[in-house]
Amino acid sequence: MYIDFAPPSNGTYNNAGSSRQLANYLEHEDLERIEKGIYTDGFFNLTEDNIYKSTVIKDIDTNIGQLLKTDAKFYAIHVSPSEKELQAIGNTEQEQTEAMKRYIREVFIPEYANNFNKELSATDIKFYGKIHFDRSRSDNKLNMHCHLIVSRKDQSNKKKLSPLTNHKNAEKGIIKGGFDRVNLFQQVEQGFDKLFGYNRQLTESFEYYNTMKNYSISEQLDMLERQIGNESRNTVIQIELNKNKQNNILTNIQLENQGSKNEEKQIFSIPNLGLSSVLDLLTHESNNNDEQQIPVKRKKKKPKRGFGR
């Protein structure tokens, strides 16, 4: 899972003024897909789908109480699953889209709110999301990702919330709370795995990526040792699984062979019984015929007496 906060700029991601430019950009892919007759999905928030772009712009642009002209009014966040993660959450673009929205609503936004350490919940965050299906700079076959426009102010338009602050769990001074982006990345990754039952390998984890990029050589070596240990353990497990699979196959073959032998015995025994019965029947019939063919003795007729001369 790749997550980043787009840095403010003078172009699409200029967040000191209206959100109109960003909202227009997020909708451009829909026009292309509609022309091709391909599935599209509108803006969404915590509870609603297919929200009009005009509603998004108005809601974000009016939630700016007590902010200066040059202050950030909103933040743009990209949430991009890997190909393996996308395969784990759905087989079609529509299935993946629904799963992605569920993840944003049930995992990402709640963790985002909690990470400010201001006793906030998901319902305190004003945001709008938009699913995109293509990335022009990506070589991945599956490119679905989510863009979020998150208001600088909470739903009550009273609290300022900045995920780009460098303060973390501050309890003293003007700024209270803060935002720990490393903690957010770890929490939303674990939340994804739990929500979708995803078996994440160490090399796919944010911990591995962060250590290999930002930590010392000794810490990187420790991580590599963990990786080798995990791979060895997985190899042993796979070998055992293969053995069990082979044993199951052999057992099934033996059972099938035993069943075949039993069937053969039955096949050979049935004709023997039948032949005996037939022979008995034939013998019985023969005896009856013999009895019928015994000649019956006939009485000799006495000669007729003639008249004497």
C-alpha atoms as a PDB file:
ATOM      1  CA  MET A   1       0.000   0.000   0.000  1.00  0.00           C
ATOM      2  CA  TYR A   2       1.481   3.307  -1.109  1.00  0.00           C
ATOM      3  CA  ILE A   3       0.175   6.464   0.607  1.00  0.00           C
ATOM      4  CA  ASP A   4       1.389   9.990   0.044  1.00  0.00           C
ATOM      5  CA  PHE A   5       0.323  13.544   0.765  1.00  0.00           C
ATOM      6  CA  ALA A   6       0.566  15.671  -2.369  1.00  0.00           C
ATOM      7  CA  PRO A   7       2.741  18.733  -1.678  1.00  0.00           C
ATOM      8  CA  PRO A   8       1.044  22.113  -2.282  1.00  0.00           C
ATOM      9  CA  SER A   9       1.794  23.647  -5.666  1.00  0.00           C
ATOM     10  CA  ASN A  10       0.649  26.427  -7.960  1.00  0.00           C
ATOM     11  CA  GLY A  11      -1.096  23.948 -10.229  1.00  0.00           C
ATOM     12  CA  THR A  12      -3.619  21.174  -9.615  1.00  0.00           C
ATOM     13  CA  TYR A  13      -2.642  20.774  -5.981  1.00  0.00           C
ATOM     14  CA  ASN A  14      -2.782  24.446  -5.046  1.00  0.00           C
ATOM     15  CA  ASN A  15      -4.637  24.175  -1.739  1.00  0.00           C
ATOM     16  CA  ALA A  16      -4.534  27.812  -0.655  1.00  0.00           C
ATOM     17  CA  GLY A  17      -7.608  28.659  -2.717  1.00  0.00           C
ATOM     18  CA  SER A  18     -10.615  26.814  -4.113  1.00  0.00           C
ATOM     19  CA  SER A  19     -10.772  23.040  -4.493  1.00  0.00           C
ATOM     20  CA  ARG A  20     -12.372  23.452  -7.940  1.00  0.00           C
ATOM     21  CA  GLN A  21      -9.176  22.827  -9.898  1.00  0.00           C
ATOM     22  CA  LEU A  22      -8.453  19.578  -8.064  1.00  0.00           C
ATOM     23  CA  ALA A  23     -12.075  18.395  -8.300  1.00  0.00           C
ATOM     24  CA  ASN A  24     -12.072  19.052 -12.057  1.00  0.00           C
ATOM     25  CA  TYR A  25      -8.887  17.037 -12.422  1.00  0.00           C
ATOM     26  CA  LEU A  26     -10.311  14.115 -10.437  1.00  0.00           C
ATOM     27  CA  GLU A  27     -13.326  13.935 -12.741  1.00  0.00           C
ATOM     28  CA  HIS A  28     -11.431  13.981 -16.047  1.00  0.00           C
ATOM     29  CA  GLU A  29     -11.015  10.200 -16.134  1.00  0.00           C
ATOM     30  CA  ASP A  30     -14.797   9.715 -15.885  1.00  0.00           C
ATOM     31  CA  LEU A  31     -15.372  11.585 -19.147  1.00  0.00           C
ATOM     32  CA  GLU A  32     -12.898   9.349 -20.987  1.00  0.00           C
ATOM     33  CA  ARG A  33     -14.395   6.151 -19.558  1.00  0.00           C
ATOM     34  CA  ILE A  34     -17.994   7.237 -20.219  1.00  0.00           C
ATOM     35  CA  GLU A  35     -17.134   7.824 -23.894  1.00  0.00           C
ATOM     36  CA  LYS A  36     -15.782   4.261 -24.049  1.00  0.00           C
ATOM     37  CA  GLY A  37     -18.761   2.843 -22.149  1.00  0.00           C
ATOM     38  CA  ILE A  38     -16.556   1.713 -19.241  1.00  0.00           C
ATOM     39  CA  TYR A  39     -17.601   1.536 -15.559  1.00  0.00           C
ATOM     40  CA  THR A  40     -17.130   4.759 -13.548  1.00  0.00           C
ATOM     41  CA  ASP A  41     -17.720   5.737  -9.931  1.00  0.00           C
ATOM     42  CA  GLY A  42     -18.537   9.196  -8.560  1.00  0.00           C
ATOM     43  CA  PHE A  43     -17.322  11.121  -5.523  1.00  0.00           C
ATOM     44  CA  PHE A  44     -18.019   9.560  -2.122  1.00  0.00           C
ATOM     45  CA  ASN A  45     -17.662  10.436   1.553  1.00  0.00           C
ATOM     46  CA  LEU A  46     -18.137   8.535   4.817  1.00  0.00           C
ATOM     47  CA  THR A  47     -21.797   7.722   4.207  1.00  0.00           C
ATOM     48  CA  GLU A  48     -22.773   8.658   0.632  1.00  0.00           C
ATOM     49  CA  ASP A  49     -21.906   7.635  -2.928  1.00  0.00           C
ATOM     50  CA  ASN A  50     -22.191   9.383  -6.300  1.00  0.00           C
ATOM     51  CA  ILE A  51     -21.929  12.916  -4.911  1.00  0.00           C
ATOM     52  CA  TYR A  52     -21.959  15.769  -7.429  1.00  0.00           C
ATOM     53  CA  LYS A  53     -18.710  17.599  -8.033  1.00  0.00           C
ATOM     54  CA  SER A  54     -20.413  20.935  -7.347  1.00  0.00           C
ATOM     55  CA  THR A  55     -21.385  19.671  -3.861  1.00  0.00           C
ATOM     56  CA  VAL A  56     -17.789  18.651  -3.165  1.00  0.00           C
ATOM     57  CA  ILE A  57     -16.383  22.035  -4.178  1.00  0.00           C
ATOM     58  CA  LYS A  58     -18.960  24.031  -2.200  1.00  0.00           C
ATOM     59  CA  ASP A  59     -18.575  21.922   0.961  1.00  0.00           C
ATOM     60  CA  ILE A  60     -14.767  22.088   0.995  1.00  0.00           C
ATOM     61  CA  ASP A  61     -14.533  25.766  -0.001  1.00  0.00           C
ATOM     62  CA  THR A  62     -16.958  26.961   2.705  1.00  0.00           C
ATOM     63  CA  ASN A  63     -15.355  24.988   5.545  1.00  0.00           C
ATOM     64  CA  ILE A  64     -12.493  27.467   6.038  1.00  0.00           C
ATOM     65  CA  GLY A  65     -13.384  29.386   9.205  1.00  0.00           C
ATOM     66  CA  GLN A  66     -10.530  31.458  10.700  1.00  0.00           C
ATOM     67  CA  LEU A  67      -8.061  30.436   8.000  1.00  0.00           C
ATOM     68  CA  LEU A  68      -5.826  33.086   6.423  1.00  0.00           C
ATOM     69  CA  LYS A  69      -5.730  33.701   2.678  1.00  0.00           C
ATOM     70  CA  THR A  70      -2.407  31.894   2.295  1.00  0.00           C
ATOM     71  CA  ASP A  71      -3.295  28.990   4.630  1.00  0.00           C
ATOM     72  CA  ALA A  72      -3.958  25.520   3.271  1.00  0.00           C
ATOM     73  CA  LYS A  73      -7.704  24.966   2.933  1.00  0.00           C
ATOM     74  CA  PHE A  74      -7.544  21.242   2.171  1.00  0.00           C
ATOM     75  CA  TYR A  75      -5.083  18.399   1.582  1.00  0.00           C
ATOM     76  CA  ALA A  76      -4.805  15.879  -1.247  1.00  0.00           C
ATOM     77  CA  ILE A  77      -3.973  12.300  -0.287  1.00  0.00           C
ATOM     78  CA  HIS A  78      -3.280   9.359  -2.610  1.00  0.00           C
ATOM     79  CA  VAL A  79      -4.025   5.792  -1.481  1.00  0.00           C
ATOM     80  CA  SER A  80      -2.629   3.264  -3.947  1.00  0.00           C
ATOM     81  CA  PRO A  81      -2.852  -0.516  -3.353  1.00  0.00           C
ATOM     82  CA  SER A  82      -0.330  -2.855  -4.968  1.00  0.00           C
ATOM     83  CA  GLU A  83      -1.343  -5.351  -7.645  1.00  0.00           C
ATOM     84  CA  LYS A  84      -1.360  -8.175  -5.081  1.00  0.00           C
ATOM     85  CA  GLU A  85      -3.520  -6.145  -2.709  1.00  0.00           C
ATOM     86  CA  LEU A  86      -5.994  -5.338  -5.487  1.00  0.00           C
ATOM     87  CA  GLN A  87      -6.211  -9.018  -6.434  1.00  0.00           C
ATOM     88  CA  ALA A  88      -7.011  -9.787  -2.787  1.00  0.00           C
ATOM     89  CA  ILE A  89      -9.985  -7.401  -2.594  1.00  0.00           C
ATOM     90  CA  GLY A  90     -11.859  -8.211  -5.798  1.00  0.00           C
ATOM     91  CA  ASN A  91     -11.898  -9.784  -9.246  1.00  0.00           C
ATOM     92  CA  THR A  92     -13.550  -6.931 -11.158  1.00  0.00           C
ATOM     93  CA  GLU A  93     -13.120  -3.160 -11.149  1.00  0.00           C
ATOM     94  CA  GLN A  94     -16.511  -2.764  -9.500  1.00  0.00           C
ATOM     95  CA  GLU A  95     -15.675  -5.244  -6.720  1.00  0.00           C
ATOM     96  CA  GLN A  96     -12.325  -3.559  -6.123  1.00  0.00           C
ATOM     97  CA  THR A  97     -13.981  -0.132  -6.059  1.00  0.00           C
ATOM     98  CA  GLU A  98     -16.525  -1.160  -3.422  1.00  0.00           C
ATOM     99  CA  ALA A  99     -13.795  -2.807  -1.343  1.00  0.00           C
ATOM    100  CA  MET A 100     -11.595   0.288  -1.630  1.00  0.00           C
ATOM    101  CA  LYS A 101     -14.379   2.595  -0.474  1.00  0.00           C
ATOM    102  CA  ARG A 102     -15.047   0.265   2.448  1.00  0.00           C
ATOM    103  CA  TYR A 103     -11.344   0.407   3.373  1.00  0.00           C
ATOM    104  CA  ILE A 104     -11.299   4.222   3.246  1.00  0.00           C
ATOM    105  CA  ARG A 105     -14.435   4.464   5.389  1.00  0.00           C
ATOM    106  CA  GLU A 106     -13.693   1.737   7.927  1.00  0.00           C
ATOM    107  CA  VAL A 107      -9.910   1.910   8.231  1.00  0.00           C
ATOM    108  CA  PHE A 108      -8.180   4.912   6.672  1.00  0.00           C
ATOM    109  CA  ILE A 109     -10.393   7.792   7.826  1.00  0.00           C
ATOM    110  CA  PRO A 110     -10.835   6.439  11.410  1.00  0.00           C
ATOM    111  CA  GLU A 111      -7.038   6.037  11.720  1.00  0.00           C
ATOM    112  CA  TYR A 112      -6.474   9.460  10.157  1.00  0.00           C
ATOM    113  CA  ALA A 113      -8.777  11.053  12.744  1.00  0.00           C
ATOM    114  CA  ASN A 114      -7.281   9.124  15.649  1.00  0.00           C
ATOM    115  CA  ASN A 115      -3.732  10.069  14.669  1.00  0.00           C
ATOM    116  CA  PHE A 116      -4.277  13.749  15.528  1.00  0.00           C
ATOM    117  CA  ASN A 117      -4.580  12.798  19.216  1.00  0.00           C
ATOM    118  CA  LYS A 118      -7.474  15.221  19.680  1.00  0.00           C
ATOM    119  CA  GLU A 119     -10.165  12.684  20.539  1.00  0.00           C
ATOM    120  CA  LEU A 120     -11.537  12.803  17.002  1.00  0.00           C
ATOM    121  CA  SER A 121     -13.479  10.098  15.184  1.00  0.00           C
ATOM    122  CA  ALA A 122     -14.179   9.427  11.501  1.00  0.00           C
ATOM    123  CA  THR A 123     -17.373  11.499  11.673  1.00  0.00           C
ATOM    124  CA  ASP A 124     -15.285  14.586  12.552  1.00  0.00           C
ATOM    125  CA  ILE A 125     -13.357  14.453   9.271  1.00  0.00           C
ATOM    126  CA  LYS A 126     -14.749  16.276   6.233  1.00  0.00           C
ATOM    127  CA  PHE A 127     -13.475  14.498   3.126  1.00  0.00           C
ATOM    128  CA  TYR A 128     -14.421  13.373  -0.356  1.00  0.00           C
ATOM    129  CA  GLY A 129     -12.905  10.480  -2.257  1.00  0.00           C
ATOM    130  CA  LYS A 130     -12.628   9.622  -5.938  1.00  0.00           C
ATOM    131  CA  ILE A 131     -11.571   6.295  -7.419  1.00  0.00           C
ATOM    132  CA  HIS A 132      -9.241   6.326 -10.433  1.00  0.00           C
ATOM    133  CA  PHE A 133      -8.516   3.251 -12.534  1.00  0.00           C
ATOM    134  CA  ASP A 134      -5.449   4.256 -14.548  1.00  0.00           C
ATOM    135  CA  ARG A 135      -1.966   5.572 -13.796  1.00  0.00           C
ATOM    136  CA  SER A 136      -0.114   6.816 -16.848  1.00  0.00           C
ATOM    137  CA  ARG A 137       3.303   6.422 -15.199  1.00  0.00           C
ATOM    138  CA  SER A 138       2.732   2.925 -13.848  1.00  0.00           C
ATOM    139  CA  ASP A 139       3.688  -0.382 -15.470  1.00  0.00           C
ATOM    140  CA  ASN A 140       1.267  -2.337 -13.273  1.00  0.00           C
ATOM    141  CA  LYS A 141      -1.615  -4.142 -14.966  1.00  0.00           C
ATOM    142  CA  LEU A 142      -3.909  -3.211 -12.087  1.00  0.00           C
ATOM    143  CA  ASN A 143      -3.753   0.518 -11.359  1.00  0.00           C
ATOM    144  CA  MET A 144      -6.845   1.356  -9.340  1.00  0.00           C
ATOM    145  CA  HIS A 145      -6.185   3.954  -6.619  1.00  0.00           C
ATOM    146  CA  CYS A 146      -8.056   6.526  -4.571  1.00  0.00           C
ATOM    147  CA  HIS A 147      -7.723  10.317  -4.367  1.00  0.00           C
ATOM    148  CA  LEU A 148      -8.902  12.055  -1.205  1.00  0.00           C
ATOM    149  CA  ILE A 149      -9.692  15.736  -0.714  1.00  0.00           C
ATOM    150  CA  VAL A 150      -9.614  16.326   3.049  1.00  0.00           C
ATOM    151  CA  SER A 151     -10.673  19.649   4.568  1.00  0.00           C
ATOM    152  CA  ARG A 152      -8.168  21.495   6.756  1.00  0.00           C
ATOM    153  CA  LYS A 153     -10.983  22.070   9.257  1.00  0.00           C
ATOM    154  CA  ASP A 154     -13.065  19.430  11.016  1.00  0.00           C
ATOM    155  CA  GLN A 155     -16.807  18.991  10.406  1.00  0.00           C
ATOM    156  CA  SER A 156     -17.636  21.610  13.051  1.00  0.00           C
ATOM    157  CA  ASN A 157     -15.391  24.132  11.234  1.00  0.00           C
ATOM    158  CA  LYS A 158     -13.612  24.816  14.532  1.00  0.00           C
ATOM    159  CA  LYS A 159     -10.499  22.641  14.746  1.00  0.00           C
ATOM    160  CA  LYS A 160      -7.512  22.976  12.420  1.00  0.00           C
ATOM    161  CA  LEU A 161      -6.146  19.642  11.276  1.00  0.00           C
ATOM    162  CA  SER A 162      -2.883  19.383   9.378  1.00  0.00           C
ATOM    163  CA  PRO A 163      -1.418  15.991   8.453  1.00  0.00           C
ATOM    164  CA  LEU A 164       1.754  17.743   7.262  1.00  0.00           C
ATOM    165  CA  THR A 165       2.723  19.147  10.653  1.00  0.00           C
ATOM    166  CA  ASN A 166       6.008  17.960  12.139  1.00  0.00           C
ATOM    167  CA  HIS A 167       4.567  17.914  15.669  1.00  0.00           C
ATOM    168  CA  LYS A 168       3.865  14.502  17.192  1.00  0.00           C
ATOM    169  CA  ASN A 169       1.823  14.050  20.373  1.00  0.00           C
ATOM    170  CA  ALA A 170       2.639  17.601  21.535  1.00  0.00           C
ATOM    171  CA  GLU A 171       1.164  18.409  24.951  1.00  0.00           C
ATOM    172  CA  LYS A 172       2.754  21.821  25.542  1.00  0.00           C
ATOM    173  CA  GLY A 173       2.922  24.983  23.452  1.00  0.00           C
ATOM    174  CA  ILE A 174       0.521  26.517  20.970  1.00  0.00           C
ATOM    175  CA  ILE A 175       0.049  23.328  18.952  1.00  0.00           C
ATOM    176  CA  LYS A 176      -1.547  20.424  20.792  1.00  0.00           C
ATOM    177  CA  GLY A 177      -1.578  16.933  19.430  1.00  0.00           C
ATOM    178  CA  GLY A 178       0.236  16.719  16.102  1.00  0.00           C
ATOM    179  CA  PHE A 179       0.336  14.012  13.456  1.00  0.00           C
ATOM    180  CA  ASP A 180       2.557  10.934  13.195  1.00  0.00           C
ATOM    181  CA  ARG A 181       2.603   9.900   9.549  1.00  0.00           C
ATOM    182  CA  VAL A 182       4.775   6.830  10.157  1.00  0.00           C
ATOM    183  CA  ASN A 183       2.269   5.571  12.706  1.00  0.00           C
ATOM    184  CA  LEU A 184      -0.586   6.252  10.278  1.00  0.00           C
ATOM    185  CA  PHE A 185       1.076   4.232   7.506  1.00  0.00           C
ATOM    186  CA  GLN A 186       1.611   1.274   9.839  1.00  0.00           C
ATOM    187  CA  GLN A 187      -1.907   1.377  11.294  1.00  0.00           C
ATOM    188  CA  VAL A 188      -3.735   1.594   7.957  1.00  0.00           C
ATOM    189  CA  GLU A 189      -1.586  -1.224   6.570  1.00  0.00           C
ATOM    190  CA  GLN A 190      -2.459  -3.472   9.513  1.00  0.00           C
ATOM    191  CA  GLY A 191      -6.095  -2.417   9.138  1.00  0.00           C
ATOM    192  CA  PHE A 192      -6.084  -3.441   5.485  1.00  0.00           C
ATOM    193  CA  ASP A 193      -4.668  -6.873   6.324  1.00  0.00           C
ATOM    194  CA  LYS A 194      -7.245  -7.441   9.040  1.00  0.00           C
ATOM    195  CA  LEU A 195     -10.200  -6.192   6.975  1.00  0.00           C
ATOM    196  CA  PHE A 196      -9.454  -8.358   3.954  1.00  0.00           C
ATOM    197  CA  GLY A 197      -7.563 -11.249   5.596  1.00  0.00           C
ATOM    198  CA  TYR A 198      -4.456 -10.354   3.603  1.00  0.00           C
ATOM    199  CA  ASN A 199      -1.299 -12.374   4.314  1.00  0.00           C
ATOM    200  CA  ARG A 200       1.356  -9.667   3.937  1.00  0.00           C
ATOM    201  CA  GLN A 201       4.949 -10.729   3.442  1.00  0.00           C
ATOM    202  CA  LEU A 202       7.682  -8.812   5.273  1.00  0.00           C
ATOM    203  CA  THR A 203       9.069  -7.372   2.034  1.00  0.00           C
ATOM    204  CA  GLU A 204       5.621  -5.873   1.271  1.00  0.00           C
ATOM    205  CA  SER A 205       5.367  -4.066   4.595  1.00  0.00           C
ATOM    206  CA  PHE A 206       5.872  -0.377   5.286  1.00  0.00           C
ATOM    207  CA  GLU A 207       8.231  -1.359   8.112  1.00  0.00           C
ATOM    208  CA  TYR A 208      10.551  -3.107   5.652  1.00  0.00           C
ATOM    209  CA  TYR A 209      10.393  -0.282   3.103  1.00  0.00           C
ATOM    210  CA  ASN A 210      10.944   2.424   5.715  1.00  0.00           C
ATOM    211  CA  THR A 211      13.859   0.599   7.345  1.00  0.00           C
ATOM    212  CA  MET A 212      15.660  -0.067   4.056  1.00  0.00           C
ATOM    213  CA  LYS A 213      15.223   3.562   2.997  1.00  0.00           C
ATOM    214  CA  ASN A 214      15.758   5.604   6.153  1.00  0.00           C
ATOM    215  CA  TYR A 215      17.519   3.546   8.818  1.00  0.00           C
ATOM    216  CA  SER A 216      21.173   2.756   9.551  1.00  0.00           C
ATOM    217  CA  ILE A 217      23.196  -0.026   7.913  1.00  0.00           C
ATOM    218  CA  SER A 218      23.062  -2.193  11.043  1.00  0.00           C
ATOM    219  CA  GLU A 219      19.281  -1.845  11.232  1.00  0.00           C
ATOM    220  CA  GLN A 220      18.986  -2.680   7.551  1.00  0.00           C
ATOM    221  CA  LEU A 221      21.086  -5.819   8.119  1.00  0.00           C
ATOM    222  CA  ASP A 222      18.819  -6.822  10.989  1.00  0.00           C
ATOM    223  CA  MET A 223      15.825  -6.428   8.687  1.00  0.00           C
ATOM    224  CA  LEU A 224      17.515  -8.566   6.015  1.00  0.00           C
ATOM    225  CA  GLU A 225      18.149 -11.282   8.616  1.00  0.00           C
ATOM    226  CA  ARG A 226      14.465 -11.204   9.497  1.00  0.00           C
ATOM    227  CA  GLN A 227      13.616 -11.496   5.828  1.00  0.00           C
ATOM    228  CA  ILE A 228      15.905 -14.520   5.366  1.00  0.00           C
ATOM    229  CA  GLY A 229      14.506 -16.114   8.527  1.00  0.00           C
ATOM    230  CA  ASN A 230      10.944 -15.620   7.324  1.00  0.00           C
ATOM    231  CA  GLU A 231      11.734 -17.021   3.894  1.00  0.00           C
ATOM    232  CA  SER A 232      13.427 -20.082   5.433  1.00  0.00           C
ATOM    233  CA  ARG A 233      10.471 -20.630   7.740  1.00  0.00           C
ATOM    234  CA  ASN A 234       8.059 -20.269   4.834  1.00  0.00           C
ATOM    235  CA  THR A 235      10.112 -22.773   2.833  1.00  0.00           C
ATOM    236  CA  VAL A 236       9.937 -25.324   5.660  1.00  0.00           C
ATOM    237  CA  ILE A 237       6.192 -24.774   5.990  1.00  0.00           C
ATOM    238  CA  GLN A 238       5.756 -25.212   2.234  1.00  0.00           C
ATOM    239  CA  ILE A 239       7.755 -28.450   2.296  1.00  0.00           C
ATOM    240  CA  GLU A 240       5.567 -29.804   5.086  1.00  0.00           C
ATOM    241  CA  LEU A 241       2.437 -28.771   3.205  1.00  0.00           C
ATOM    242  CA  ASN A 242       3.704 -30.540   0.082  1.00  0.00           C
ATOM    243  CA  LYS A 243       4.453 -33.685   2.117  1.00  0.00           C
ATOM    244  CA  ASN A 244       0.971 -33.647   3.588  1.00  0.00           C
ATOM    245  CA  LYS A 245      -0.491 -33.130   0.131  1.00  0.00           C
ATOM    246  CA  GLN A 246       1.479 -36.083  -1.261  1.00  0.00           C
ATOM    247  CA  ASN A 247       0.458 -38.285   1.681  1.00  0.00           C
ATOM    248  CA  ASN A 248      -3.178 -37.383   1.091  1.00  0.00           C
ATOM    249  CA  ILE A 249      -2.858 -38.259  -2.596  1.00  0.00           C
ATOM    250  CA  LEU A 250      -1.238 -41.641  -1.779  1.00  0.00           C
ATOM    251  CA  THR A 251      -3.929 -42.391   0.785  1.00  0.00           C
ATOM    252  CA  ASN A 252      -6.662 -41.616  -1.739  1.00  0.00           C
ATOM    253  CA  ILE A 253      -4.983 -43.835  -4.353  1.00  0.00           C
ATOM    254  CA  GLN A 254      -4.744 -46.703  -1.854  1.00  0.00           C
ATOM    255  CA  LEU A 255      -8.387 -46.302  -0.922  1.00  0.00           C
ATOM    256  CA  GLU A 256      -9.380 -46.261  -4.588  1.00  0.00           C
ATOM    257  CA  ASN A 257      -7.308 -49.408  -5.274  1.00  0.00           C
ATOM    258  CA  GLN A 258      -8.829 -51.168  -2.287  1.00  0.00           C
ATOM    259  CA  GLY A 259     -12.268 -50.194  -3.499  1.00  0.00           C
ATOM    260  CA  SER A 260     -11.464 -51.545  -6.979  1.00  0.00           C
ATOM    261  CA  LYS A 261     -10.329 -54.913  -5.528  1.00  0.00           C
ATOM    262  CA  ASN A 262     -13.531 -55.219  -3.532  1.00  0.00           C
ATOM    263  CA  GLU A 263     -15.544 -54.529  -6.672  1.00  0.00           C
ATOM    264  CA  GLU A 264     -13.613 -57.223  -8.591  1.00  0.00           C
ATOM    265  CA  LYS A 265     -14.345 -59.787  -5.878  1.00  0.00           C
ATOM    266  CA  GLN A 266     -18.014 -58.987  -6.112  1.00  0.00           C
ATOM    267  CA  ILE A 267     -17.956 -59.247  -9.913  1.00  0.00           C
ATOM    268  CA  PHE A 268     -16.316 -62.703  -9.855  1.00  0.00           C
ATOM    269  CA  SER A 269     -18.517 -64.108  -7.091  1.00  0.00           C
ATOM    270  CA  ILE A 270     -21.823 -63.126  -8.650  1.00  0.00           C
ATOM    271  CA  PRO A 271     -21.436 -65.261 -11.847  1.00  0.00           C
ATOM    272  CA  ASN A 272     -20.322 -68.301  -9.800  1.00  0.00           C
ATOM    273  CA  LEU A 273     -23.436 -68.109  -7.731  1.00  0.00           C
ATOM    274  CA  GLY A 274     -25.520 -67.631 -10.824  1.00  0.00           C
ATOM    275  CA  LEU A 275     -23.907 -70.572 -12.644  1.00  0.00           C
ATOM    276  CA  SER A 276     -24.504 -72.899  -9.698  1.00  0.00           C
ATOM    277  CA  SER A 277     -28.126 -71.892  -9.605  1.00  0.00           C
ATOM    278  CA  VAL A 278     -28.477 -72.452 -13.339  1.00  0.00           C
ATOM    279  CA  LEU A 279     -26.869 -75.872 -13.115  1.00  0.00           C
ATOM    280  CA  ASP A 280     -29.155 -76.830 -10.251  1.00  0.00           C
ATOM    281  CA  LEU A 281     -32.124 -75.694 -12.274  1.00  0.00           C
ATOM    282  CA  LEU A 282     -31.019 -77.583 -15.380  1.00  0.00           C
ATOM    283  CA  THR A 283     -30.397 -80.739 -13.348  1.00  0.00           C
ATOM    284  CA  HIS A 284     -33.817 -80.434 -11.796  1.00  0.00           C
ATOM    285  CA  GLU A 285     -35.468 -80.002 -15.194  1.00  0.00           C
ATOM    286  CA  SER A 286     -33.509 -82.935 -16.608  1.00  0.00           C
ATOM    287  CA  ASN A 287     -34.712 -85.169 -13.835  1.00  0.00           C
ATOM    288  CA  ASN A 288     -38.281 -84.151 -14.523  1.00  0.00           C
ATOM    289  CA  ASN A 289     -37.876 -84.924 -18.212  1.00  0.00           C
ATOM    290  CA  ASP A 290     -36.378 -88.327 -17.459  1.00  0.00           C
ATOM    291  CA  GLU A 291     -39.301 -89.110 -15.261  1.00  0.00           C
ATOM    292  CA  GLN A 292     -41.705 -88.192 -18.036  1.00  0.00           C
ATOM    293  CA  GLN A 293     -39.874 -90.375 -20.597  1.00  0.00           C
ATOM    294  CA  ILE A 294     -40.187 -93.685 -18.614  1.00  0.00           C
ATOM    295  CA  PRO A 295     -42.214 -96.050 -20.923  1.00  0.00           C
ATOM    296  CA  VAL A 296     -45.586 -97.257 -19.695  1.00  0.00           C
ATOM    297  CA  LYS A 297     -46.186-101.034 -20.072  1.00  0.00           C
ATOM    298  CA  ARG A 298     -49.256-101.791 -22.156  1.00  0.00           C
ATOM    299  CA  LYS A 299     -51.500-104.918 -21.657  1.00  0.00           C
ATOM    300  CA  LYS A 300     -51.458-107.478 -24.458  1.00  0.00           C
ATOM    301  CA  LYS A 301     -54.785-107.932 -26.204  1.00  0.00           C
ATOM    302  CA  LYS A 302     -56.286-111.419 -26.151  1.00  0.00           C
ATOM    303  CA  PRO A 303     -56.843-112.957 -29.563  1.00  0.00           C
ATOM    304  CA  LYS A 304     -60.421-113.077 -30.734  1.00  0.00           C
ATOM    305  CA  ARG A 305     -62.061-116.460 -30.748  1.00  0.00           C
ATOM    306  CA  GLY A 306     -63.561-117.589 -34.037  1.00  0.00           C
ATOM    307  CA  PHE A 307     -66.607-119.958 -34.787  1.00  0.00           C
ATOM    308  CA  GLY A 308     -65.679-123.663 -35.266  1.00  0.00           C
ATOM    309  CA  ARG A 309     -66.317-125.479 -38.433  1.00  0.00           C
END
